[in-house]
N, C-alpha and C. Protein backbone atom coordinates (compact mmCIF):
# COMPACT_ATOMS: atom_id res chain seq x y z
N UNK A 1 127.30 114.36 -217.82
CA UNK A 1 127.95 113.36 -218.64
C UNK A 1 129.39 113.17 -218.16
N UNK A 2 129.84 111.92 -218.13
CA UNK A 2 131.22 111.66 -217.73
C UNK A 2 132.17 111.91 -218.90
N UNK A 3 133.45 112.03 -218.58
CA UNK A 3 134.46 112.24 -219.60
C UNK A 3 135.09 110.94 -220.03
N UNK A 4 136.07 111.04 -220.94
CA UNK A 4 136.70 109.85 -221.50
C UNK A 4 137.41 109.01 -220.45
N UNK A 5 137.98 109.65 -219.44
CA UNK A 5 138.70 108.90 -218.41
C UNK A 5 137.78 107.99 -217.62
N UNK A 6 136.48 108.31 -217.58
CA UNK A 6 135.53 107.52 -216.81
C UNK A 6 134.75 106.53 -217.68
N UNK A 7 135.02 106.54 -219.00
CA UNK A 7 134.29 105.63 -219.90
C UNK A 7 134.55 104.18 -219.51
N UNK A 8 133.49 103.38 -219.42
CA UNK A 8 133.61 102.00 -218.95
C UNK A 8 133.98 101.03 -220.06
N UNK A 9 133.67 101.37 -221.31
CA UNK A 9 133.98 100.47 -222.42
C UNK A 9 134.06 101.27 -223.71
N UNK A 10 134.36 100.57 -224.82
CA UNK A 10 134.52 101.24 -226.11
C UNK A 10 133.22 101.91 -226.57
N UNK A 11 132.09 101.28 -226.27
CA UNK A 11 130.81 101.83 -226.69
C UNK A 11 130.55 103.18 -226.02
N UNK A 12 130.84 103.26 -224.72
CA UNK A 12 130.65 104.52 -224.02
C UNK A 12 131.63 105.58 -224.51
N UNK A 13 132.85 105.16 -224.80
CA UNK A 13 133.85 106.10 -225.34
C UNK A 13 133.39 106.65 -226.69
N UNK A 14 132.89 105.77 -227.55
CA UNK A 14 132.42 106.22 -228.86
C UNK A 14 131.23 107.16 -228.73
N UNK A 15 130.37 106.92 -227.75
CA UNK A 15 129.22 107.81 -227.52
C UNK A 15 129.70 109.20 -227.10
N UNK A 16 130.74 109.24 -226.28
CA UNK A 16 131.30 110.52 -225.85
C UNK A 16 131.93 111.26 -227.03
N UNK A 17 132.64 110.54 -227.87
CA UNK A 17 133.25 111.14 -229.06
C UNK A 17 132.18 111.71 -229.98
N UNK A 18 131.09 110.96 -230.14
CA UNK A 18 130.00 111.42 -231.01
C UNK A 18 129.31 112.65 -230.41
N UNK A 19 129.14 112.68 -229.10
CA UNK A 19 128.54 113.86 -228.46
C UNK A 19 129.42 115.09 -228.70
N UNK A 20 130.72 114.91 -228.62
CA UNK A 20 131.63 116.02 -228.89
C UNK A 20 131.55 116.47 -230.33
N UNK A 21 131.48 115.52 -231.26
CA UNK A 21 131.38 115.88 -232.68
C UNK A 21 130.12 116.68 -232.95
N UNK A 22 129.00 116.22 -232.40
CA UNK A 22 127.73 116.90 -232.63
C UNK A 22 127.73 118.31 -232.03
N UNK A 23 128.28 118.45 -230.83
CA UNK A 23 128.32 119.78 -230.21
C UNK A 23 129.09 120.76 -231.09
N UNK A 24 130.20 120.31 -231.63
CA UNK A 24 131.06 121.23 -232.39
C UNK A 24 130.63 121.40 -233.85
N UNK A 25 129.50 120.80 -234.23
CA UNK A 25 128.90 121.15 -235.52
C UNK A 25 127.99 122.36 -235.38
N UNK A 26 127.71 122.74 -234.14
CA UNK A 26 126.82 123.87 -233.87
C UNK A 26 127.59 125.19 -233.96
N UNK A 27 126.88 126.33 -234.10
CA UNK A 27 127.56 127.62 -234.22
C UNK A 27 128.37 127.99 -232.98
N UNK A 28 129.52 128.58 -233.21
CA UNK A 28 130.36 129.10 -232.14
C UNK A 28 130.75 130.53 -232.52
N UNK A 29 130.38 131.48 -231.68
CA UNK A 29 130.55 132.88 -232.03
C UNK A 29 131.19 133.68 -230.89
N UNK A 30 132.08 134.59 -231.28
CA UNK A 30 132.65 135.54 -230.33
C UNK A 30 131.54 136.45 -229.81
N UNK A 31 131.53 136.72 -228.49
CA UNK A 31 130.50 137.63 -227.99
C UNK A 31 131.03 138.62 -226.95
N UNK A 32 132.25 138.46 -226.46
CA UNK A 32 132.70 139.38 -225.41
C UNK A 32 134.22 139.34 -225.30
N UNK A 33 134.79 140.51 -224.92
CA UNK A 33 136.22 140.59 -224.62
C UNK A 33 136.41 141.44 -223.38
N UNK A 34 137.37 141.07 -222.56
CA UNK A 34 137.65 141.81 -221.33
C UNK A 34 139.14 142.01 -221.17
N UNK A 35 139.53 143.23 -220.82
CA UNK A 35 140.94 143.54 -220.58
C UNK A 35 141.22 143.81 -219.11
N UNK A 36 140.16 143.95 -218.32
CA UNK A 36 140.31 144.21 -216.89
C UNK A 36 139.36 143.31 -216.12
N UNK A 37 139.71 143.06 -214.87
CA UNK A 37 138.92 142.14 -214.05
C UNK A 37 137.48 142.62 -213.89
N UNK A 38 137.29 143.94 -213.80
CA UNK A 38 135.93 144.45 -213.60
C UNK A 38 135.13 144.52 -214.90
N UNK A 39 135.72 144.06 -216.00
CA UNK A 39 135.02 144.03 -217.29
C UNK A 39 134.49 142.64 -217.64
N UNK A 40 134.73 141.67 -216.79
CA UNK A 40 134.30 140.31 -217.11
C UNK A 40 132.78 140.23 -217.21
N UNK A 41 132.25 139.41 -218.12
CA UNK A 41 130.79 139.27 -218.22
C UNK A 41 130.23 138.56 -217.01
N UNK A 42 128.95 138.74 -216.77
CA UNK A 42 128.31 138.05 -215.67
C UNK A 42 128.39 136.55 -215.88
N UNK A 43 128.66 135.78 -214.83
CA UNK A 43 128.71 134.32 -214.97
C UNK A 43 127.38 133.77 -215.46
N UNK A 44 127.44 132.82 -216.36
CA UNK A 44 126.23 132.22 -216.89
C UNK A 44 126.46 130.77 -217.24
N UNK A 45 126.61 130.48 -218.53
CA UNK A 45 126.86 129.12 -218.98
C UNK A 45 128.18 128.59 -218.43
N UNK A 46 128.33 127.27 -218.38
CA UNK A 46 129.63 126.71 -218.00
C UNK A 46 130.72 127.24 -218.93
N UNK A 47 131.91 127.42 -218.39
CA UNK A 47 133.03 127.93 -219.18
C UNK A 47 134.20 126.95 -219.14
N UNK A 48 134.86 126.81 -220.29
CA UNK A 48 136.12 126.08 -220.40
C UNK A 48 137.14 127.06 -220.95
N UNK A 49 138.23 127.24 -220.21
CA UNK A 49 139.25 128.22 -220.61
C UNK A 49 140.47 127.52 -221.19
N UNK A 50 141.13 128.23 -222.11
CA UNK A 50 142.35 127.73 -222.75
C UNK A 50 143.50 128.60 -222.30
N UNK A 51 144.49 127.97 -221.69
CA UNK A 51 145.57 128.69 -221.03
C UNK A 51 146.91 128.08 -221.46
N UNK A 52 147.92 128.92 -221.65
CA UNK A 52 149.23 128.40 -222.00
C UNK A 52 150.21 129.50 -222.34
N UNK A 53 151.45 129.11 -222.56
CA UNK A 53 152.47 130.07 -222.96
C UNK A 53 152.09 130.72 -224.29
N UNK A 54 152.63 131.90 -224.52
CA UNK A 54 152.19 132.71 -225.65
C UNK A 54 152.48 132.08 -227.01
N UNK A 55 153.39 131.13 -227.08
CA UNK A 55 153.71 130.51 -228.38
C UNK A 55 153.32 129.04 -228.43
N UNK A 56 152.32 128.64 -227.64
CA UNK A 56 151.98 127.22 -227.51
C UNK A 56 151.02 126.74 -228.59
N UNK A 57 150.46 127.65 -229.38
CA UNK A 57 149.52 127.27 -230.43
C UNK A 57 148.08 127.24 -229.98
N UNK A 58 147.77 128.10 -229.01
CA UNK A 58 146.43 128.10 -228.40
C UNK A 58 145.34 128.49 -229.39
N UNK A 59 145.52 129.59 -230.10
CA UNK A 59 144.49 130.05 -231.03
C UNK A 59 144.29 129.05 -232.17
N UNK A 60 145.38 128.46 -232.66
CA UNK A 60 145.26 127.46 -233.72
C UNK A 60 144.46 126.26 -233.24
N UNK A 61 144.64 125.86 -231.99
CA UNK A 61 143.91 124.72 -231.46
C UNK A 61 142.43 125.05 -231.30
N UNK A 62 142.12 126.24 -230.81
CA UNK A 62 140.71 126.65 -230.69
C UNK A 62 140.04 126.64 -232.06
N UNK A 63 140.73 127.16 -233.06
CA UNK A 63 140.18 127.18 -234.42
C UNK A 63 139.96 125.77 -234.95
N UNK A 64 140.89 124.86 -234.66
CA UNK A 64 140.74 123.47 -235.10
C UNK A 64 139.55 122.80 -234.42
N UNK A 65 139.33 123.10 -233.15
CA UNK A 65 138.21 122.52 -232.42
C UNK A 65 136.88 122.92 -233.03
N UNK A 66 136.74 124.20 -233.35
CA UNK A 66 135.45 124.70 -233.84
C UNK A 66 135.33 124.59 -235.36
N UNK A 67 136.40 124.18 -236.03
CA UNK A 67 136.34 124.03 -237.48
C UNK A 67 136.27 125.34 -238.23
N UNK A 68 136.81 126.39 -237.64
CA UNK A 68 136.88 127.70 -238.29
C UNK A 68 138.33 128.16 -238.34
N UNK A 69 138.69 128.83 -239.42
CA UNK A 69 140.09 129.21 -239.59
C UNK A 69 140.47 130.46 -238.82
N UNK A 70 139.50 131.29 -238.46
CA UNK A 70 139.87 132.58 -237.88
C UNK A 70 138.96 132.99 -236.73
N UNK A 71 138.35 132.03 -236.02
CA UNK A 71 137.53 132.42 -234.87
C UNK A 71 138.42 133.06 -233.81
N UNK A 72 139.47 132.34 -233.43
CA UNK A 72 140.48 132.90 -232.53
C UNK A 72 141.62 133.43 -233.39
N UNK A 73 142.08 134.63 -233.12
CA UNK A 73 143.10 135.25 -233.94
C UNK A 73 144.44 134.57 -233.74
N UNK A 74 145.05 134.19 -234.85
CA UNK A 74 146.38 133.58 -234.81
C UNK A 74 147.40 134.65 -235.18
N UNK A 75 148.21 135.03 -234.21
CA UNK A 75 149.16 136.11 -234.43
C UNK A 75 150.54 135.55 -234.75
N UNK A 76 151.24 136.23 -235.65
CA UNK A 76 152.63 135.88 -235.92
C UNK A 76 153.55 136.41 -234.83
N UNK A 77 153.01 137.22 -233.94
CA UNK A 77 153.78 137.79 -232.84
C UNK A 77 153.26 137.25 -231.53
N UNK A 78 153.93 136.24 -230.94
CA UNK A 78 153.46 135.68 -229.67
C UNK A 78 153.29 136.75 -228.62
N UNK A 79 152.25 136.59 -227.81
CA UNK A 79 152.02 137.54 -226.73
C UNK A 79 151.16 138.72 -227.12
N UNK A 80 150.68 138.74 -228.36
CA UNK A 80 149.91 139.90 -228.80
C UNK A 80 148.52 139.96 -228.16
N UNK A 81 147.93 138.78 -227.92
CA UNK A 81 146.60 138.74 -227.30
C UNK A 81 146.70 139.17 -225.84
N UNK A 82 146.03 140.25 -225.47
CA UNK A 82 146.13 140.79 -224.12
C UNK A 82 144.77 140.88 -223.45
N UNK A 83 143.80 140.16 -223.97
CA UNK A 83 142.47 140.19 -223.38
C UNK A 83 141.89 138.80 -223.33
N UNK A 84 140.84 138.65 -222.53
CA UNK A 84 140.11 137.39 -222.45
C UNK A 84 139.00 137.45 -223.48
N UNK A 85 138.98 136.50 -224.39
CA UNK A 85 137.97 136.46 -225.44
C UNK A 85 136.99 135.32 -225.18
N UNK A 86 135.70 135.62 -225.22
CA UNK A 86 134.64 134.67 -224.88
C UNK A 86 133.87 134.27 -226.14
N UNK A 87 133.66 132.96 -226.31
CA UNK A 87 132.97 132.43 -227.48
C UNK A 87 131.83 131.52 -227.02
N UNK A 88 130.62 131.80 -227.51
CA UNK A 88 129.44 131.01 -227.15
C UNK A 88 129.30 129.85 -228.13
N UNK A 89 129.33 128.64 -227.60
CA UNK A 89 129.17 127.44 -228.42
C UNK A 89 127.78 126.86 -228.21
N UNK A 90 126.91 127.12 -229.17
CA UNK A 90 125.57 126.50 -229.22
C UNK A 90 124.71 126.80 -228.00
N UNK A 91 125.00 127.90 -227.28
CA UNK A 91 124.27 128.23 -226.06
C UNK A 91 124.34 127.10 -225.03
N UNK A 92 125.41 126.30 -225.10
CA UNK A 92 125.57 125.19 -224.16
C UNK A 92 126.84 125.33 -223.31
N UNK A 93 127.82 126.03 -223.84
CA UNK A 93 129.08 126.20 -223.12
C UNK A 93 129.84 127.38 -223.73
N UNK A 94 130.67 128.02 -222.93
CA UNK A 94 131.47 129.16 -223.39
C UNK A 94 132.94 128.76 -223.39
N UNK A 95 133.61 129.03 -224.49
CA UNK A 95 135.05 128.82 -224.60
C UNK A 95 135.74 130.16 -224.35
N UNK A 96 136.76 130.15 -223.51
CA UNK A 96 137.44 131.40 -223.15
C UNK A 96 138.92 131.28 -223.54
N UNK A 97 139.32 132.14 -224.45
CA UNK A 97 140.71 132.19 -224.92
C UNK A 97 141.46 133.21 -224.06
N UNK A 98 142.36 132.71 -223.22
CA UNK A 98 143.09 133.56 -222.27
C UNK A 98 144.38 134.10 -222.89
N UNK A 99 144.88 135.23 -222.39
CA UNK A 99 146.16 135.75 -222.87
C UNK A 99 147.28 134.75 -222.59
N UNK A 100 148.22 134.65 -223.51
CA UNK A 100 149.37 133.79 -223.28
C UNK A 100 150.27 134.37 -222.19
N UNK A 101 150.90 133.49 -221.46
CA UNK A 101 151.83 133.95 -220.41
C UNK A 101 153.27 133.60 -220.81
N UNK A 102 154.21 134.18 -220.08
CA UNK A 102 155.62 133.85 -220.30
C UNK A 102 156.22 134.48 -221.54
N UNK A 103 155.63 135.58 -222.03
CA UNK A 103 156.17 136.22 -223.23
C UNK A 103 157.34 137.12 -222.86
N UNK A 104 158.54 136.69 -223.19
CA UNK A 104 159.76 137.34 -222.69
C UNK A 104 159.93 138.77 -223.19
N UNK A 105 159.44 139.07 -224.40
CA UNK A 105 159.70 140.39 -224.98
C UNK A 105 158.72 141.46 -224.50
N UNK A 106 157.68 141.04 -223.80
CA UNK A 106 156.74 142.03 -223.25
C UNK A 106 157.36 142.69 -222.03
N UNK A 107 157.05 143.95 -221.83
CA UNK A 107 157.56 144.64 -220.65
C UNK A 107 156.96 144.02 -219.40
N UNK A 108 157.66 144.17 -218.28
CA UNK A 108 157.16 143.60 -217.03
C UNK A 108 155.81 144.19 -216.64
N UNK A 109 155.64 145.51 -216.86
CA UNK A 109 154.35 146.13 -216.54
C UNK A 109 153.24 145.55 -217.40
N UNK A 110 153.53 145.36 -218.70
CA UNK A 110 152.53 144.83 -219.62
C UNK A 110 152.16 143.39 -219.23
N UNK A 111 153.18 142.58 -218.93
CA UNK A 111 152.92 141.21 -218.51
C UNK A 111 152.07 141.18 -217.24
N UNK A 112 152.41 142.05 -216.29
CA UNK A 112 151.67 142.09 -215.02
C UNK A 112 150.22 142.46 -215.26
N UNK A 113 149.98 143.41 -216.16
CA UNK A 113 148.62 143.87 -216.41
C UNK A 113 147.75 142.76 -216.99
N UNK A 114 148.19 142.16 -218.11
CA UNK A 114 147.29 141.21 -218.76
C UNK A 114 147.31 139.84 -218.10
N UNK A 115 148.44 139.45 -217.53
CA UNK A 115 148.46 138.17 -216.82
C UNK A 115 147.72 138.27 -215.49
N UNK A 116 147.73 139.47 -214.90
CA UNK A 116 146.99 139.67 -213.66
C UNK A 116 145.50 139.47 -213.87
N UNK A 117 144.97 140.00 -214.97
CA UNK A 117 143.56 139.82 -215.30
C UNK A 117 143.25 138.33 -215.50
N UNK A 118 144.14 137.66 -216.21
CA UNK A 118 143.93 136.24 -216.48
C UNK A 118 143.88 135.44 -215.18
N UNK A 119 144.83 135.67 -214.29
CA UNK A 119 144.87 134.88 -213.06
C UNK A 119 143.74 135.27 -212.11
N UNK A 120 143.31 136.54 -212.13
CA UNK A 120 142.12 136.92 -211.37
C UNK A 120 140.91 136.12 -211.84
N UNK A 121 140.80 135.98 -213.16
CA UNK A 121 139.70 135.19 -213.74
C UNK A 121 139.78 133.74 -213.27
N UNK A 122 140.96 133.15 -213.34
CA UNK A 122 141.12 131.74 -212.95
C UNK A 122 140.76 131.51 -211.49
N UNK A 123 141.13 132.46 -210.65
CA UNK A 123 140.90 132.28 -209.21
C UNK A 123 139.45 132.50 -208.81
N UNK A 124 138.73 133.35 -209.54
CA UNK A 124 137.44 133.81 -209.02
C UNK A 124 136.22 133.55 -209.87
N UNK A 125 136.30 132.72 -210.90
CA UNK A 125 135.17 132.53 -211.81
C UNK A 125 134.34 131.33 -211.35
N UNK A 126 133.12 131.55 -210.84
CA UNK A 126 132.35 130.44 -210.26
C UNK A 126 131.87 129.42 -211.28
N UNK A 127 131.67 129.81 -212.54
CA UNK A 127 131.15 128.89 -213.56
C UNK A 127 132.26 128.31 -214.44
N UNK A 128 133.51 128.48 -214.02
CA UNK A 128 134.63 127.90 -214.76
C UNK A 128 134.72 126.41 -214.43
N UNK A 129 134.43 125.58 -215.40
CA UNK A 129 134.38 124.14 -215.18
C UNK A 129 135.75 123.48 -215.29
N UNK A 130 136.56 123.97 -216.23
CA UNK A 130 137.88 123.37 -216.41
C UNK A 130 138.76 124.31 -217.21
N UNK A 131 140.05 124.25 -216.92
CA UNK A 131 141.06 124.97 -217.70
C UNK A 131 141.84 123.94 -218.51
N UNK A 132 141.89 124.15 -219.81
CA UNK A 132 142.75 123.34 -220.66
C UNK A 132 144.13 123.99 -220.67
N UNK A 133 145.08 123.38 -219.97
CA UNK A 133 146.42 123.94 -219.85
C UNK A 133 147.28 123.36 -220.96
N UNK A 134 147.64 124.19 -221.92
CA UNK A 134 148.35 123.74 -223.10
C UNK A 134 149.86 123.79 -222.88
N UNK A 135 150.53 122.67 -223.18
CA UNK A 135 151.98 122.58 -223.11
C UNK A 135 152.49 122.16 -224.49
N UNK A 136 153.57 122.80 -224.93
CA UNK A 136 154.17 122.48 -226.23
C UNK A 136 154.87 121.12 -226.13
N UNK A 137 154.45 120.17 -226.97
CA UNK A 137 155.03 118.83 -226.92
C UNK A 137 156.50 118.82 -227.34
N UNK A 138 156.96 119.88 -227.99
CA UNK A 138 158.32 119.87 -228.53
C UNK A 138 159.38 120.31 -227.52
N UNK A 139 158.95 120.93 -226.43
CA UNK A 139 159.92 121.49 -225.48
C UNK A 139 159.60 121.06 -224.06
N UNK A 140 160.57 121.23 -223.18
CA UNK A 140 160.36 120.85 -221.79
C UNK A 140 159.38 121.79 -221.11
N UNK A 141 158.79 121.34 -220.04
CA UNK A 141 157.87 122.17 -219.26
C UNK A 141 158.63 123.34 -218.66
N UNK A 142 158.12 124.54 -218.87
CA UNK A 142 158.79 125.75 -218.39
C UNK A 142 158.37 126.09 -216.96
N UNK A 143 159.17 126.93 -216.32
CA UNK A 143 158.84 127.34 -214.95
C UNK A 143 157.51 128.08 -214.90
N UNK A 144 157.17 128.83 -215.96
CA UNK A 144 155.89 129.53 -215.98
C UNK A 144 154.72 128.55 -216.07
N UNK A 145 154.92 127.42 -216.76
CA UNK A 145 153.88 126.38 -216.80
C UNK A 145 153.66 125.79 -215.41
N UNK A 146 154.76 125.51 -214.73
CA UNK A 146 154.66 124.94 -213.39
C UNK A 146 154.00 125.93 -212.42
N UNK A 147 154.30 127.21 -212.60
CA UNK A 147 153.69 128.23 -211.74
C UNK A 147 152.18 128.29 -211.98
N UNK A 148 151.77 128.16 -213.25
CA UNK A 148 150.34 128.17 -213.55
C UNK A 148 149.65 126.97 -212.91
N UNK A 149 150.29 125.81 -212.96
CA UNK A 149 149.72 124.62 -212.33
C UNK A 149 149.58 124.80 -210.82
N UNK A 150 150.60 125.37 -210.20
CA UNK A 150 150.55 125.58 -208.76
C UNK A 150 149.45 126.54 -208.38
N UNK A 151 149.29 127.61 -209.16
CA UNK A 151 148.23 128.58 -208.88
C UNK A 151 146.87 127.90 -208.93
N UNK A 152 146.63 127.11 -209.98
CA UNK A 152 145.33 126.45 -210.11
C UNK A 152 145.15 125.38 -209.05
N UNK A 153 146.23 124.72 -208.68
CA UNK A 153 146.14 123.69 -207.65
C UNK A 153 145.75 124.30 -206.30
N UNK A 154 146.40 125.41 -205.95
CA UNK A 154 146.12 126.08 -204.68
C UNK A 154 144.70 126.66 -204.68
N UNK A 155 144.28 127.18 -205.83
CA UNK A 155 142.94 127.78 -205.93
C UNK A 155 141.85 126.74 -206.19
N UNK A 156 142.24 125.46 -206.29
CA UNK A 156 141.29 124.36 -206.54
C UNK A 156 140.53 124.57 -207.85
N UNK A 157 141.24 125.02 -208.88
CA UNK A 157 140.67 125.18 -210.22
C UNK A 157 141.02 123.94 -211.03
N UNK A 158 140.02 123.20 -211.45
CA UNK A 158 140.26 121.98 -212.20
C UNK A 158 140.94 122.30 -213.54
N UNK A 159 142.02 121.58 -213.83
CA UNK A 159 142.69 121.80 -215.12
C UNK A 159 143.08 120.46 -215.73
N UNK A 160 143.24 120.50 -217.04
CA UNK A 160 143.61 119.30 -217.80
C UNK A 160 144.77 119.65 -218.72
N UNK A 161 145.82 118.85 -218.68
CA UNK A 161 147.00 119.12 -219.50
C UNK A 161 146.74 118.65 -220.94
N UNK A 162 147.05 119.54 -221.89
CA UNK A 162 146.90 119.25 -223.31
C UNK A 162 148.24 119.51 -223.99
N UNK A 163 148.81 118.49 -224.58
CA UNK A 163 150.05 118.67 -225.35
C UNK A 163 149.69 119.11 -226.77
N UNK A 164 150.33 120.15 -227.24
CA UNK A 164 150.08 120.68 -228.58
C UNK A 164 151.26 120.38 -229.50
N UNK A 165 151.03 120.53 -230.81
CA UNK A 165 152.07 120.40 -231.83
C UNK A 165 152.72 119.01 -231.81
N UNK A 166 151.91 117.99 -231.53
CA UNK A 166 152.42 116.62 -231.44
C UNK A 166 152.92 116.10 -232.78
N UNK A 167 152.46 116.69 -233.88
CA UNK A 167 152.91 116.25 -235.21
C UNK A 167 154.37 116.60 -235.47
N UNK A 168 154.92 117.50 -234.65
CA UNK A 168 156.28 117.99 -234.88
C UNK A 168 157.29 117.34 -233.93
N UNK A 169 156.94 116.19 -233.37
CA UNK A 169 157.78 115.50 -232.40
C UNK A 169 157.93 114.04 -232.80
N UNK A 170 159.14 113.48 -232.69
CA UNK A 170 159.36 112.07 -232.96
C UNK A 170 158.70 111.19 -231.92
N UNK A 171 158.45 109.92 -232.26
CA UNK A 171 157.72 109.01 -231.36
C UNK A 171 158.36 108.86 -229.97
N UNK A 172 159.68 108.72 -229.90
CA UNK A 172 160.32 108.51 -228.61
C UNK A 172 160.24 109.76 -227.74
N UNK A 173 160.47 110.91 -228.35
CA UNK A 173 160.40 112.16 -227.59
C UNK A 173 158.97 112.44 -227.15
N UNK A 174 158.00 112.13 -228.02
CA UNK A 174 156.61 112.36 -227.65
C UNK A 174 156.20 111.45 -226.49
N UNK A 175 156.63 110.19 -226.53
CA UNK A 175 156.31 109.27 -225.45
C UNK A 175 156.87 109.77 -224.12
N UNK A 176 158.10 110.30 -224.14
CA UNK A 176 158.71 110.83 -222.92
C UNK A 176 157.95 112.06 -222.44
N UNK A 177 157.49 112.88 -223.39
CA UNK A 177 156.75 114.10 -223.04
C UNK A 177 155.40 113.74 -222.42
N UNK A 178 154.75 112.73 -222.97
CA UNK A 178 153.47 112.29 -222.42
C UNK A 178 153.67 111.76 -221.00
N UNK A 179 154.72 110.97 -220.80
CA UNK A 179 155.00 110.43 -219.47
C UNK A 179 155.22 111.55 -218.47
N UNK A 180 155.98 112.58 -218.86
CA UNK A 180 156.23 113.72 -217.98
C UNK A 180 154.92 114.44 -217.64
N UNK A 181 154.07 114.65 -218.67
CA UNK A 181 152.80 115.34 -218.45
C UNK A 181 151.90 114.54 -217.52
N UNK A 182 151.88 113.23 -217.67
CA UNK A 182 151.06 112.39 -216.79
C UNK A 182 151.56 112.44 -215.35
N UNK A 183 152.88 112.51 -215.18
CA UNK A 183 153.44 112.64 -213.83
C UNK A 183 153.07 113.98 -213.21
N UNK A 184 153.08 115.04 -214.03
CA UNK A 184 152.67 116.35 -213.54
C UNK A 184 151.21 116.33 -213.11
N UNK A 185 150.37 115.67 -213.90
CA UNK A 185 148.95 115.58 -213.56
C UNK A 185 148.75 114.85 -212.24
N UNK A 186 149.47 113.76 -212.06
CA UNK A 186 149.32 112.99 -210.81
C UNK A 186 149.80 113.76 -209.59
N UNK A 187 150.72 114.70 -209.80
CA UNK A 187 151.28 115.43 -208.66
C UNK A 187 150.46 116.65 -208.26
N UNK A 188 149.36 116.91 -208.97
CA UNK A 188 148.49 118.05 -208.65
C UNK A 188 147.07 117.55 -208.45
N UNK A 189 146.52 117.81 -207.28
CA UNK A 189 145.18 117.30 -206.97
C UNK A 189 144.10 117.92 -207.86
N UNK A 190 144.34 119.12 -208.38
CA UNK A 190 143.35 119.78 -209.22
C UNK A 190 143.41 119.33 -210.68
N UNK A 191 144.41 118.52 -211.03
CA UNK A 191 144.60 118.13 -212.42
C UNK A 191 143.73 116.93 -212.79
N UNK A 192 143.18 116.98 -213.99
CA UNK A 192 142.44 115.85 -214.55
C UNK A 192 143.44 114.75 -214.91
N UNK A 193 143.11 113.48 -214.70
CA UNK A 193 144.10 112.42 -214.94
C UNK A 193 144.43 112.17 -216.41
N UNK A 194 143.52 112.51 -217.32
CA UNK A 194 143.73 112.21 -218.74
C UNK A 194 144.49 113.34 -219.42
N UNK A 195 145.67 113.04 -219.94
CA UNK A 195 146.45 114.00 -220.73
C UNK A 195 146.05 113.86 -222.19
N UNK A 196 145.69 114.96 -222.82
CA UNK A 196 145.30 114.95 -224.23
C UNK A 196 146.50 115.32 -225.09
N UNK A 197 146.66 114.62 -226.20
CA UNK A 197 147.78 114.85 -227.12
C UNK A 197 147.19 115.30 -228.46
N UNK A 198 147.52 116.51 -228.89
CA UNK A 198 146.83 117.10 -230.03
C UNK A 198 147.77 117.68 -231.08
N UNK A 199 147.20 117.88 -232.26
CA UNK A 199 147.86 118.63 -233.33
C UNK A 199 146.80 119.37 -234.11
N UNK A 200 146.90 120.68 -234.16
CA UNK A 200 145.94 121.46 -234.94
C UNK A 200 146.20 121.29 -236.44
N UNK A 201 147.37 120.80 -236.80
CA UNK A 201 147.72 120.59 -238.21
C UNK A 201 147.12 119.30 -238.75
N UNK A 202 147.23 118.20 -238.01
CA UNK A 202 146.75 116.90 -238.49
C UNK A 202 145.37 116.54 -237.96
N UNK A 203 144.93 117.24 -236.92
CA UNK A 203 143.65 116.91 -236.29
C UNK A 203 143.74 115.85 -235.21
N UNK A 204 144.94 115.40 -234.91
CA UNK A 204 145.11 114.39 -233.87
C UNK A 204 144.61 114.92 -232.53
N UNK A 205 143.84 114.11 -231.82
CA UNK A 205 143.36 114.47 -230.49
C UNK A 205 142.21 115.44 -230.45
N UNK A 206 141.80 115.97 -231.60
CA UNK A 206 140.72 116.96 -231.62
C UNK A 206 139.39 116.33 -231.19
N UNK A 207 139.11 115.13 -231.69
CA UNK A 207 137.85 114.46 -231.33
C UNK A 207 137.78 114.21 -229.83
N UNK A 208 138.89 113.80 -229.25
CA UNK A 208 138.91 113.53 -227.81
C UNK A 208 138.74 114.81 -226.99
N UNK A 209 139.33 115.89 -227.46
CA UNK A 209 139.20 117.16 -226.75
C UNK A 209 137.77 117.68 -226.83
N UNK A 210 137.15 117.53 -228.00
CA UNK A 210 135.75 117.91 -228.13
C UNK A 210 134.87 117.11 -227.17
N UNK A 211 135.17 115.83 -227.05
CA UNK A 211 134.39 114.98 -226.15
C UNK A 211 134.51 115.44 -224.71
N UNK A 212 135.71 115.80 -224.29
CA UNK A 212 135.92 116.27 -222.92
C UNK A 212 135.13 117.56 -222.67
N UNK A 213 135.15 118.47 -223.62
CA UNK A 213 134.43 119.73 -223.48
C UNK A 213 132.92 119.49 -223.47
N UNK A 214 132.45 118.59 -224.34
CA UNK A 214 131.02 118.28 -224.40
C UNK A 214 130.53 117.70 -223.07
N UNK A 215 131.38 116.99 -222.37
CA UNK A 215 130.97 116.40 -221.09
C UNK A 215 130.72 117.45 -220.02
N UNK A 216 131.15 118.69 -220.26
CA UNK A 216 130.98 119.78 -219.31
C UNK A 216 129.85 120.72 -219.70
N UNK A 217 129.27 120.53 -220.88
CA UNK A 217 128.24 121.43 -221.37
C UNK A 217 126.89 121.13 -220.74
N UNK A 218 125.99 122.12 -220.81
CA UNK A 218 124.62 121.92 -220.32
C UNK A 218 123.74 121.35 -221.41
């Protein structure tokens, strides 16, 4: 199935949105966690990973997508998640919640350990279909975000930029942030051209993100 960027008309776009809605009405359950590269589960179903800075709102967005309040743990302490968490969605696709990067208060050894596992996964997972790279719409793109993009670009890992917390940004600032994100996407060959703009609080962009994920499912 094609994604929203390839939709030829409104009817095809609506069909994609509906496919995403239907997929996410199905059960989504945690089934595996890995803290080391040699603990990763055997590759199977297509996987979509969620990647971003430790305070970008990743777990809240995953919960909003699946319509559950606590599937992915939302911590009041950014950087607390130090493992890769795998969730089976309807036996059609696996969602992978990756550790946040760029957490300043973590020790360098701790950052190296859990971020190393994450980047090993990104570089070497054969069934990884796409990485949803989350950027906070309220702040400028950080050097750690750019480094993550470069890593995926060099490793030829397909990624799609997703702006989070869009409800907390004024229209002019959000428009500038979207323009910047689109320029970043165009400058990386591994980046998907469509930038998604979301809010886990209002539900903005959730239907579109579900549609994109559904287009990758079996």
